Amino acid sequence: MIHPIPFLLLAAVAVAAALGMLLSHNAVHSALYLVLNFITVAIFYLALNAPFIAMVQVTVYAGAIVVLFLFVIMLLGAERLRSPVDEVRGPERFHRYTAILLALVLVGVAAYLLFQGGVDMTGVDTTAGATLDASPQALGLALFQSYVFPFQVTGVLLLAAIAGVVIFGHTKKRGEDNA
């Protein structure tokens, strides 16, 4: 287990990186804050004696996924984001209020489950004689035997999101060229 002082320092870095990612007006800077957050989470995994998950966190998320994000950002030329104080009109206003409502519902349900004891925070079977196999082989077997469908759905959703961003961004750029 990790000592409370380093834990609090790492937690402060993780929260500051997450806030920097959310509040940055430059998409590239947001992606770099995301990398910092992923590396901090990997250090938490190392402190919890899970080095394989820590290296997967750095390799897959901080490496491949963020490079993919940066590729899409550079492809679309969307380095600078709109200011959050820009005027919001029409149906976009409805989307903002809907997003705020759904975020509040998510926070409320999470708080309810945490305080009512409805969530097992350890995820470990506490029956007598049960051992936890955290090897890469066990992780791979669990991922590709028990969770094949969610794994494939996640891949399709990521692909659809990237295709949608490219299509909408390309249409927007074409519209700007004609104006």
N, C-alpha and C. Protein backbone atom coordinates (compact mmCIF):
# COMPACT_ATOMS: atom_id res chain seq x y z
N MET A 1 0.85 -1.18 0.00
CA MET A 1 0.00 0.00 0.00
C MET A 1 0.89 1.24 0.00
N ILE A 2 0.38 2.30 -0.50
CA ILE A 2 1.14 3.54 -0.63
C ILE A 2 0.93 4.41 0.61
N HIS A 3 1.97 5.12 0.99
CA HIS A 3 1.92 6.02 2.13
C HIS A 3 0.98 7.18 1.80
N PRO A 4 0.28 7.75 2.79
CA PRO A 4 -0.70 8.80 2.50
C PRO A 4 -0.15 10.07 1.85
N ILE A 5 1.07 10.48 2.21
CA ILE A 5 1.62 11.72 1.64
C ILE A 5 1.86 11.59 0.14
N PRO A 6 2.59 10.55 -0.33
CA PRO A 6 2.74 10.41 -1.79
C PRO A 6 1.40 10.20 -2.50
N PHE A 7 0.49 9.49 -1.84
CA PHE A 7 -0.83 9.29 -2.44
C PHE A 7 -1.54 10.62 -2.66
N LEU A 8 -1.51 11.49 -1.65
CA LEU A 8 -2.17 12.79 -1.78
C LEU A 8 -1.49 13.65 -2.84
N LEU A 9 -0.16 13.59 -2.93
CA LEU A 9 0.54 14.35 -3.97
C LEU A 9 0.17 13.84 -5.37
N LEU A 10 0.17 12.50 -5.53
CA LEU A 10 -0.21 11.93 -6.82
C LEU A 10 -1.67 12.25 -7.16
N ALA A 11 -2.53 12.18 -6.15
CA ALA A 11 -3.94 12.49 -6.38
C ALA A 11 -4.11 13.94 -6.81
N ALA A 12 -3.35 14.84 -6.18
CA ALA A 12 -3.43 16.26 -6.56
C ALA A 12 -2.95 16.46 -8.00
N VAL A 13 -1.88 15.75 -8.39
CA VAL A 13 -1.40 15.86 -9.77
C VAL A 13 -2.44 15.31 -10.74
N ALA A 14 -3.05 14.17 -10.40
CA ALA A 14 -4.06 13.57 -11.27
C ALA A 14 -5.27 14.49 -11.44
N VAL A 15 -5.73 15.07 -10.35
CA VAL A 15 -6.89 15.98 -10.43
C VAL A 15 -6.53 17.25 -11.18
N ALA A 16 -5.33 17.79 -10.93
CA ALA A 16 -4.91 19.01 -11.65
C ALA A 16 -4.76 18.73 -13.15
N ALA A 17 -4.22 17.56 -13.50
CA ALA A 17 -4.09 17.22 -14.92
C ALA A 17 -5.46 17.04 -15.56
N ALA A 18 -6.39 16.44 -14.85
CA ALA A 18 -7.75 16.27 -15.39
C ALA A 18 -8.42 17.63 -15.58
N LEU A 19 -8.26 18.52 -14.61
CA LEU A 19 -8.84 19.86 -14.76
C LEU A 19 -8.16 20.63 -15.89
N GLY A 20 -6.85 20.49 -16.00
CA GLY A 20 -6.14 21.14 -17.11
C GLY A 20 -6.62 20.63 -18.45
N MET A 21 -6.88 19.32 -18.53
CA MET A 21 -7.38 18.74 -19.77
C MET A 21 -8.76 19.31 -20.11
N LEU A 22 -9.61 19.45 -19.12
CA LEU A 22 -10.96 19.93 -19.37
C LEU A 22 -11.00 21.42 -19.66
N LEU A 23 -10.14 22.19 -19.04
CA LEU A 23 -10.22 23.65 -19.14
C LEU A 23 -9.30 24.27 -20.20
N SER A 24 -8.45 23.46 -20.82
CA SER A 24 -7.53 23.98 -21.82
C SER A 24 -8.28 24.32 -23.11
N HIS A 25 -7.94 25.46 -23.70
CA HIS A 25 -8.56 25.88 -24.95
C HIS A 25 -7.81 25.34 -26.16
N ASN A 26 -6.65 24.76 -25.95
CA ASN A 26 -5.87 24.18 -27.03
C ASN A 26 -6.00 22.66 -26.95
N ALA A 27 -6.47 22.03 -28.03
CA ALA A 27 -6.72 20.59 -28.02
C ALA A 27 -5.44 19.78 -27.84
N VAL A 28 -4.33 20.26 -28.38
CA VAL A 28 -3.06 19.55 -28.21
C VAL A 28 -2.63 19.59 -26.74
N HIS A 29 -2.79 20.74 -26.10
CA HIS A 29 -2.47 20.83 -24.67
C HIS A 29 -3.38 19.91 -23.86
N SER A 30 -4.65 19.82 -24.24
CA SER A 30 -5.57 18.92 -23.56
C SER A 30 -5.08 17.48 -23.66
N ALA A 31 -4.63 17.08 -24.84
CA ALA A 31 -4.12 15.72 -25.02
C ALA A 31 -2.87 15.48 -24.17
N LEU A 32 -2.03 16.49 -24.04
CA LEU A 32 -0.83 16.34 -23.20
C LEU A 32 -1.18 16.26 -21.72
N TYR A 33 -2.19 17.01 -21.29
CA TYR A 33 -2.66 16.87 -19.92
C TYR A 33 -3.23 15.46 -19.70
N LEU A 34 -3.88 14.92 -20.71
CA LEU A 34 -4.41 13.56 -20.63
C LEU A 34 -3.29 12.55 -20.45
N VAL A 35 -2.18 12.74 -21.16
CA VAL A 35 -1.01 11.86 -21.00
C VAL A 35 -0.50 11.93 -19.56
N LEU A 36 -0.41 13.14 -19.01
CA LEU A 36 0.04 13.29 -17.63
C LEU A 36 -0.90 12.55 -16.67
N ASN A 37 -2.19 12.65 -16.92
CA ASN A 37 -3.16 11.95 -16.08
C ASN A 37 -2.99 10.44 -16.19
N PHE A 38 -2.80 9.92 -17.40
CA PHE A 38 -2.61 8.49 -17.59
C PHE A 38 -1.33 8.00 -16.90
N ILE A 39 -0.28 8.79 -16.95
CA ILE A 39 0.97 8.38 -16.30
C ILE A 39 0.80 8.38 -14.78
N THR A 40 0.06 9.34 -14.26
CA THR A 40 -0.21 9.37 -12.81
C THR A 40 -1.01 8.14 -12.39
N VAL A 41 -1.99 7.77 -13.18
CA VAL A 41 -2.77 6.57 -12.87
C VAL A 41 -1.88 5.33 -12.95
N ALA A 42 -0.95 5.29 -13.89
CA ALA A 42 -0.02 4.17 -13.98
C ALA A 42 0.85 4.07 -12.72
N ILE A 43 1.24 5.21 -12.18
CA ILE A 43 2.02 5.20 -10.93
C ILE A 43 1.17 4.66 -9.78
N PHE A 44 -0.12 5.00 -9.78
CA PHE A 44 -1.02 4.41 -8.77
C PHE A 44 -1.05 2.89 -8.91
N TYR A 45 -1.12 2.39 -10.15
CA TYR A 45 -1.11 0.93 -10.36
C TYR A 45 0.19 0.31 -9.86
N LEU A 46 1.31 0.98 -10.09
CA LEU A 46 2.58 0.46 -9.57
C LEU A 46 2.57 0.40 -8.05
N ALA A 47 2.00 1.43 -7.42
CA ALA A 47 1.92 1.44 -5.96
C ALA A 47 1.01 0.34 -5.44
N LEU A 48 0.04 -0.08 -6.23
CA LEU A 48 -0.86 -1.16 -5.84
C LEU A 48 -0.33 -2.53 -6.24
N ASN A 49 0.96 -2.59 -6.66
CA ASN A 49 1.63 -3.83 -7.02
C ASN A 49 0.97 -4.49 -8.24
N ALA A 50 0.66 -3.69 -9.24
CA ALA A 50 0.11 -4.19 -10.49
C ALA A 50 0.94 -3.64 -11.65
N PRO A 51 2.19 -4.12 -11.79
CA PRO A 51 3.07 -3.53 -12.81
C PRO A 51 2.61 -3.79 -14.24
N PHE A 52 1.98 -4.93 -14.50
CA PHE A 52 1.51 -5.21 -15.85
C PHE A 52 0.45 -4.21 -16.27
N ILE A 53 -0.52 -3.96 -15.40
CA ILE A 53 -1.58 -3.00 -15.71
C ILE A 53 -0.99 -1.59 -15.87
N ALA A 54 0.03 -1.27 -15.07
CA ALA A 54 0.66 0.05 -15.19
C ALA A 54 1.32 0.22 -16.55
N MET A 55 2.02 -0.81 -17.01
CA MET A 55 2.68 -0.71 -18.31
C MET A 55 1.67 -0.72 -19.46
N VAL A 56 0.58 -1.45 -19.30
CA VAL A 56 -0.49 -1.42 -20.31
C VAL A 56 -1.10 -0.02 -20.34
N GLN A 57 -1.27 0.58 -19.18
CA GLN A 57 -1.82 1.94 -19.09
C GLN A 57 -0.95 2.92 -19.87
N VAL A 58 0.36 2.84 -19.68
CA VAL A 58 1.27 3.76 -20.36
C VAL A 58 1.34 3.44 -21.84
N THR A 59 1.48 2.16 -22.19
CA THR A 59 1.66 1.78 -23.59
C THR A 59 0.40 2.01 -24.41
N VAL A 60 -0.73 1.50 -23.94
CA VAL A 60 -1.95 1.56 -24.74
C VAL A 60 -2.57 2.95 -24.67
N TYR A 61 -2.79 3.46 -23.47
CA TYR A 61 -3.51 4.72 -23.35
C TYR A 61 -2.60 5.91 -23.63
N ALA A 62 -1.53 6.06 -22.86
CA ALA A 62 -0.67 7.23 -23.03
C ALA A 62 0.07 7.17 -24.36
N GLY A 63 0.28 5.98 -24.89
CA GLY A 63 0.96 5.86 -26.16
C GLY A 63 0.01 5.89 -27.34
N ALA A 64 -0.69 4.79 -27.54
CA ALA A 64 -1.48 4.62 -28.76
C ALA A 64 -2.71 5.51 -28.84
N ILE A 65 -3.51 5.56 -27.80
CA ILE A 65 -4.78 6.29 -27.85
C ILE A 65 -4.53 7.78 -27.97
N VAL A 66 -3.60 8.32 -27.22
CA VAL A 66 -3.33 9.76 -27.30
C VAL A 66 -2.71 10.12 -28.65
N VAL A 67 -1.88 9.24 -29.20
CA VAL A 67 -1.34 9.49 -30.54
C VAL A 67 -2.48 9.53 -31.55
N LEU A 68 -3.45 8.63 -31.39
CA LEU A 68 -4.63 8.64 -32.26
C LEU A 68 -5.41 9.94 -32.11
N PHE A 69 -5.62 10.39 -30.88
CA PHE A 69 -6.29 11.67 -30.64
C PHE A 69 -5.54 12.82 -31.33
N LEU A 70 -4.22 12.85 -31.15
CA LEU A 70 -3.42 13.92 -31.75
C LEU A 70 -3.49 13.86 -33.27
N PHE A 71 -3.51 12.65 -33.83
CA PHE A 71 -3.62 12.51 -35.28
C PHE A 71 -4.94 13.10 -35.78
N VAL A 72 -6.03 12.79 -35.10
CA VAL A 72 -7.33 13.32 -35.51
C VAL A 72 -7.37 14.84 -35.33
N ILE A 73 -6.80 15.35 -34.24
CA ILE A 73 -6.78 16.79 -34.00
C ILE A 73 -6.00 17.49 -35.11
N MET A 74 -4.83 16.95 -35.45
CA MET A 74 -4.02 17.58 -36.49
C MET A 74 -4.66 17.42 -37.86
N LEU A 75 -5.31 16.30 -38.11
CA LEU A 75 -5.97 16.07 -39.40
C LEU A 75 -7.08 17.09 -39.63
N LEU A 76 -7.82 17.39 -38.57
CA LEU A 76 -8.93 18.32 -38.69
C LEU A 76 -8.52 19.77 -38.53
N GLY A 77 -7.32 20.01 -38.06
CA GLY A 77 -6.88 21.39 -37.83
C GLY A 77 -7.66 22.05 -36.72
N ALA A 78 -8.00 21.29 -35.69
CA ALA A 78 -8.84 21.81 -34.60
C ALA A 78 -8.02 22.04 -33.35
N GLU A 79 -6.84 22.62 -33.50
CA GLU A 79 -5.99 22.83 -32.32
C GLU A 79 -6.62 23.78 -31.32
N ARG A 80 -7.25 24.83 -31.83
CA ARG A 80 -7.87 25.82 -30.95
C ARG A 80 -9.34 25.51 -30.80
N LEU A 81 -9.81 25.42 -29.56
CA LEU A 81 -11.21 25.15 -29.30
C LEU A 81 -11.96 26.45 -29.10
N ARG A 82 -13.28 26.38 -29.29
CA ARG A 82 -14.12 27.55 -29.01
C ARG A 82 -14.05 27.87 -27.53
N SER A 83 -14.12 29.12 -27.24
CA SER A 83 -14.15 29.55 -25.84
C SER A 83 -15.48 29.13 -25.21
N PRO A 84 -15.46 28.66 -23.95
CA PRO A 84 -16.72 28.26 -23.32
C PRO A 84 -17.67 29.42 -23.11
N VAL A 85 -17.18 30.65 -23.23
CA VAL A 85 -18.08 31.79 -23.05
C VAL A 85 -18.68 32.25 -24.36
N ASP A 86 -18.37 31.54 -25.47
CA ASP A 86 -19.00 31.88 -26.75
C ASP A 86 -20.51 31.73 -26.62
N GLU A 87 -21.20 32.52 -27.40
CA GLU A 87 -22.66 32.50 -27.34
C GLU A 87 -23.18 31.17 -27.88
N VAL A 88 -24.08 30.57 -27.13
CA VAL A 88 -24.70 29.32 -27.53
C VAL A 88 -26.14 29.61 -27.91
N ARG A 89 -26.51 29.20 -29.12
CA ARG A 89 -27.85 29.48 -29.62
C ARG A 89 -28.54 28.20 -30.04
N GLY A 90 -29.86 28.29 -30.15
CA GLY A 90 -30.68 27.23 -30.73
C GLY A 90 -30.58 25.90 -30.01
N PRO A 91 -30.48 24.81 -30.80
CA PRO A 91 -30.49 23.47 -30.20
C PRO A 91 -29.25 23.17 -29.37
N GLU A 92 -28.16 23.92 -29.58
CA GLU A 92 -26.96 23.70 -28.78
C GLU A 92 -27.20 24.00 -27.30
N ARG A 93 -28.05 24.97 -27.03
CA ARG A 93 -28.38 25.30 -25.64
C ARG A 93 -29.06 24.10 -24.98
N PHE A 94 -29.95 23.42 -25.68
CA PHE A 94 -30.62 22.23 -25.16
C PHE A 94 -29.61 21.14 -24.86
N HIS A 95 -28.60 20.98 -25.71
CA HIS A 95 -27.58 19.96 -25.49
C HIS A 95 -26.77 20.25 -24.22
N ARG A 96 -26.47 21.52 -24.00
CA ARG A 96 -25.70 21.89 -22.81
C ARG A 96 -26.48 21.56 -21.54
N TYR A 97 -27.77 21.93 -21.51
CA TYR A 97 -28.59 21.65 -20.33
C TYR A 97 -28.79 20.15 -20.14
N THR A 98 -28.95 19.42 -21.21
CA THR A 98 -29.09 17.96 -21.12
C THR A 98 -27.81 17.34 -20.57
N ALA A 99 -26.67 17.80 -21.04
CA ALA A 99 -25.39 17.27 -20.55
C ALA A 99 -25.20 17.55 -19.06
N ILE A 100 -25.56 18.75 -18.63
CA ILE A 100 -25.44 19.09 -17.21
C ILE A 100 -26.37 18.21 -16.38
N LEU A 101 -27.59 18.01 -16.83
CA LEU A 101 -28.55 17.17 -16.11
C LEU A 101 -28.05 15.73 -16.01
N LEU A 102 -27.55 15.19 -17.11
CA LEU A 102 -27.06 13.81 -17.10
C LEU A 102 -25.81 13.66 -16.22
N ALA A 103 -24.95 14.67 -16.20
CA ALA A 103 -23.78 14.62 -15.33
C ALA A 103 -24.19 14.63 -13.87
N LEU A 104 -25.18 15.43 -13.53
CA LEU A 104 -25.67 15.45 -12.15
C LEU A 104 -26.31 14.12 -11.76
N VAL A 105 -27.04 13.51 -12.68
CA VAL A 105 -27.64 12.20 -12.41
C VAL A 105 -26.54 11.17 -12.19
N LEU A 106 -25.49 11.20 -13.02
CA LEU A 106 -24.37 10.26 -12.87
C LEU A 106 -23.69 10.42 -11.52
N VAL A 107 -23.42 11.64 -11.13
CA VAL A 107 -22.78 11.89 -9.83
C VAL A 107 -23.69 11.44 -8.69
N GLY A 108 -24.99 11.70 -8.80
CA GLY A 108 -25.94 11.29 -7.77
C GLY A 108 -26.02 9.79 -7.61
N VAL A 109 -26.09 9.06 -8.72
CA VAL A 109 -26.16 7.59 -8.65
C VAL A 109 -24.86 7.03 -8.09
N ALA A 110 -23.72 7.57 -8.51
CA ALA A 110 -22.44 7.08 -7.99
C ALA A 110 -22.34 7.33 -6.49
N ALA A 111 -22.74 8.51 -6.04
CA ALA A 111 -22.71 8.80 -4.60
C ALA A 111 -23.66 7.89 -3.84
N TYR A 112 -24.84 7.66 -4.37
CA TYR A 112 -25.80 6.77 -3.71
C TYR A 112 -25.23 5.36 -3.57
N LEU A 113 -24.64 4.83 -4.64
CA LEU A 113 -24.09 3.48 -4.59
C LEU A 113 -22.91 3.39 -3.63
N LEU A 114 -22.07 4.41 -3.60
CA LEU A 114 -20.91 4.38 -2.71
C LEU A 114 -21.32 4.47 -1.25
N PHE A 115 -22.29 5.32 -0.93
CA PHE A 115 -22.67 5.52 0.46
C PHE A 115 -23.64 4.47 0.97
N GLN A 116 -24.34 3.78 0.08
CA GLN A 116 -25.27 2.73 0.51
C GLN A 116 -24.59 1.37 0.58
N GLY A 117 -23.35 1.28 0.15
CA GLY A 117 -22.64 0.01 0.21
C GLY A 117 -23.07 -0.95 -0.88
N GLY A 118 -23.62 -0.46 -1.97
CA GLY A 118 -24.09 -1.31 -3.05
C GLY A 118 -22.99 -1.71 -4.02
N VAL A 119 -21.78 -1.20 -3.83
CA VAL A 119 -20.68 -1.51 -4.73
C VAL A 119 -19.58 -2.16 -3.93
N ASP A 120 -19.09 -3.31 -4.43
CA ASP A 120 -17.95 -3.98 -3.81
C ASP A 120 -16.69 -3.31 -4.33
N MET A 121 -16.03 -2.51 -3.49
CA MET A 121 -14.90 -1.72 -3.93
C MET A 121 -13.64 -2.55 -4.19
N THR A 122 -13.56 -3.75 -3.63
CA THR A 122 -12.35 -4.55 -3.82
C THR A 122 -12.41 -5.36 -5.10
N GLY A 123 -13.57 -5.86 -5.47
CA GLY A 123 -13.69 -6.70 -6.65
C GLY A 123 -13.09 -8.07 -6.45
N VAL A 124 -12.76 -8.43 -5.22
CA VAL A 124 -12.11 -9.70 -4.92
C VAL A 124 -13.12 -10.61 -4.23
N ASP A 125 -13.12 -11.86 -4.65
CA ASP A 125 -13.98 -12.85 -4.02
C ASP A 125 -13.45 -13.13 -2.62
N THR A 126 -14.28 -12.92 -1.61
CA THR A 126 -13.82 -13.04 -0.23
C THR A 126 -14.14 -14.40 0.38
N THR A 127 -14.55 -15.36 -0.44
CA THR A 127 -14.82 -16.69 0.10
C THR A 127 -13.52 -17.34 0.53
N ALA A 128 -13.63 -18.29 1.42
CA ALA A 128 -12.44 -18.93 1.99
C ALA A 128 -11.66 -19.67 0.90
N GLY A 129 -10.37 -19.47 0.88
CA GLY A 129 -9.49 -20.19 -0.02
C GLY A 129 -9.44 -19.61 -1.43
N ALA A 130 -10.12 -18.52 -1.70
CA ALA A 130 -10.10 -17.94 -3.05
C ALA A 130 -8.82 -17.15 -3.25
N THR A 131 -8.18 -17.36 -4.39
CA THR A 131 -6.98 -16.60 -4.73
C THR A 131 -7.24 -15.80 -5.99
N LEU A 132 -6.59 -14.68 -6.09
CA LEU A 132 -6.77 -13.80 -7.23
C LEU A 132 -5.59 -13.99 -8.17
N ASP A 133 -5.87 -14.38 -9.42
CA ASP A 133 -4.83 -14.55 -10.42
C ASP A 133 -4.78 -13.28 -11.26
N ALA A 134 -3.71 -12.49 -11.08
CA ALA A 134 -3.59 -11.22 -11.79
C ALA A 134 -2.53 -11.28 -12.88
N SER A 135 -2.25 -12.48 -13.39
CA SER A 135 -1.22 -12.63 -14.41
C SER A 135 -1.75 -12.13 -15.76
N PRO A 136 -0.85 -11.80 -16.67
CA PRO A 136 -1.30 -11.39 -18.01
C PRO A 136 -2.11 -12.47 -18.73
N GLN A 137 -1.77 -13.74 -18.50
CA GLN A 137 -2.52 -14.82 -19.13
C GLN A 137 -3.96 -14.84 -18.64
N ALA A 138 -4.16 -14.69 -17.33
CA ALA A 138 -5.51 -14.69 -16.77
C ALA A 138 -6.30 -13.48 -17.25
N LEU A 139 -5.63 -12.35 -17.37
CA LEU A 139 -6.28 -11.14 -17.87
C LEU A 139 -6.72 -11.33 -19.32
N GLY A 140 -5.84 -11.90 -20.14
CA GLY A 140 -6.18 -12.14 -21.55
C GLY A 140 -7.32 -13.13 -21.69
N LEU A 141 -7.30 -14.20 -20.90
CA LEU A 141 -8.39 -15.17 -20.96
C LEU A 141 -9.71 -14.56 -20.53
N ALA A 142 -9.68 -13.77 -19.47
CA ALA A 142 -10.92 -13.14 -19.01
C ALA A 142 -11.44 -12.15 -20.06
N LEU A 143 -10.52 -11.40 -20.68
CA LEU A 143 -10.93 -10.40 -21.66
C LEU A 143 -11.53 -11.04 -22.91
N PHE A 144 -10.91 -12.11 -23.40
CA PHE A 144 -11.35 -12.69 -24.66
C PHE A 144 -12.29 -13.87 -24.51
N GLN A 145 -12.59 -14.30 -23.29
CA GLN A 145 -13.61 -15.33 -23.09
C GLN A 145 -14.89 -14.73 -22.52
N SER A 146 -14.76 -13.97 -21.45
CA SER A 146 -15.93 -13.45 -20.76
C SER A 146 -16.40 -12.11 -21.31
N TYR A 147 -15.50 -11.31 -21.85
CA TYR A 147 -15.85 -9.94 -22.24
C TYR A 147 -15.59 -9.66 -23.72
N VAL A 148 -15.80 -10.64 -24.58
CA VAL A 148 -15.54 -10.45 -26.00
C VAL A 148 -16.50 -9.42 -26.59
N PHE A 149 -17.78 -9.54 -26.31
CA PHE A 149 -18.77 -8.64 -26.90
C PHE A 149 -18.55 -7.19 -26.47
N PRO A 150 -18.39 -6.88 -25.15
CA PRO A 150 -18.12 -5.48 -24.78
C PRO A 150 -16.82 -4.95 -25.39
N PHE A 151 -15.82 -5.81 -25.53
CA PHE A 151 -14.54 -5.41 -26.13
C PHE A 151 -14.74 -5.02 -27.58
N GLN A 152 -15.52 -5.79 -28.34
CA GLN A 152 -15.79 -5.49 -29.74
C GLN A 152 -16.68 -4.26 -29.88
N VAL A 153 -17.67 -4.11 -29.02
CA VAL A 153 -18.55 -2.94 -29.08
C VAL A 153 -17.76 -1.66 -28.83
N THR A 154 -16.82 -1.71 -27.89
CA THR A 154 -15.98 -0.54 -27.61
C THR A 154 -15.15 -0.17 -28.84
N GLY A 155 -14.59 -1.16 -29.50
CA GLY A 155 -13.82 -0.89 -30.71
C GLY A 155 -14.66 -0.27 -31.81
N VAL A 156 -15.87 -0.78 -32.01
CA VAL A 156 -16.76 -0.23 -33.04
C VAL A 156 -17.17 1.20 -32.69
N LEU A 157 -17.46 1.46 -31.41
CA LEU A 157 -17.83 2.81 -31.00
C LEU A 157 -16.69 3.81 -31.22
N LEU A 158 -15.46 3.41 -30.90
CA LEU A 158 -14.32 4.30 -31.13
C LEU A 158 -14.12 4.56 -32.62
N LEU A 159 -14.27 3.52 -33.44
CA LEU A 159 -14.13 3.70 -34.88
C LEU A 159 -15.22 4.61 -35.43
N ALA A 160 -16.46 4.44 -34.98
CA ALA A 160 -17.55 5.28 -35.44
C ALA A 160 -17.35 6.73 -35.00
N ALA A 161 -16.84 6.94 -33.79
CA ALA A 161 -16.60 8.31 -33.32
C ALA A 161 -15.53 9.00 -34.16
N ILE A 162 -14.47 8.29 -34.46
CA ILE A 162 -13.40 8.88 -35.27
C ILE A 162 -13.90 9.17 -36.69
N ALA A 163 -14.65 8.23 -37.27
CA ALA A 163 -15.19 8.46 -38.61
C ALA A 163 -16.14 9.65 -38.61
N GLY A 164 -16.97 9.78 -37.59
CA GLY A 164 -17.88 10.92 -37.51
C GLY A 164 -17.15 12.24 -37.40
N VAL A 165 -16.10 12.29 -36.61
CA VAL A 165 -15.32 13.52 -36.47
C VAL A 165 -14.66 13.89 -37.79
N VAL A 166 -14.12 12.90 -38.49
CA VAL A 166 -13.47 13.19 -39.77
C VAL A 166 -14.50 13.68 -40.79
N ILE A 167 -15.67 13.04 -40.84
CA ILE A 167 -16.70 13.43 -41.81
C ILE A 167 -17.22 14.83 -41.51
N PHE A 168 -17.57 15.09 -40.25
CA PHE A 168 -18.09 16.41 -39.91
C PHE A 168 -17.03 17.49 -40.05
N GLY A 169 -15.81 17.19 -39.69
CA GLY A 169 -14.73 18.16 -39.83
C GLY A 169 -14.42 18.44 -41.28
N HIS A 170 -14.46 17.43 -42.13
CA HIS A 170 -14.18 17.62 -43.55
C HIS A 170 -15.27 18.46 -44.20
N THR A 171 -16.52 18.22 -43.83
CA THR A 171 -17.63 19.01 -44.36
C THR A 171 -17.48 20.46 -43.93
N LYS A 172 -17.09 20.68 -42.67
CA LYS A 172 -16.93 22.05 -42.17
C LYS A 172 -15.81 22.76 -42.93
N LYS A 173 -14.69 22.07 -43.16
CA LYS A 173 -13.58 22.68 -43.87
C LYS A 173 -13.96 22.99 -45.31
N ARG A 174 -14.69 22.08 -45.97
CA ARG A 174 -15.10 22.31 -47.34
C ARG A 174 -16.01 23.52 -47.40
N GLY A 175 -16.89 23.67 -46.41
CA GLY A 175 -17.79 24.81 -46.36
C GLY A 175 -17.02 26.11 -46.17
N GLU A 176 -15.93 26.08 -45.41
CA GLU A 176 -15.15 27.29 -45.21
C GLU A 176 -14.38 27.67 -46.46
N ASP A 177 -13.96 26.67 -47.28
CA ASP A 177 -13.21 26.96 -48.49
C ASP A 177 -14.08 27.68 -49.52
N ASN A 178 -15.37 27.34 -49.57
CA ASN A 178 -16.27 27.94 -50.54
C ASN A 178 -16.68 29.36 -50.14
N ALA A 179 -16.59 29.69 -48.87
CA ALA A 179 -17.08 31.00 -48.41
C ALA A 179 -16.11 32.10 -48.74
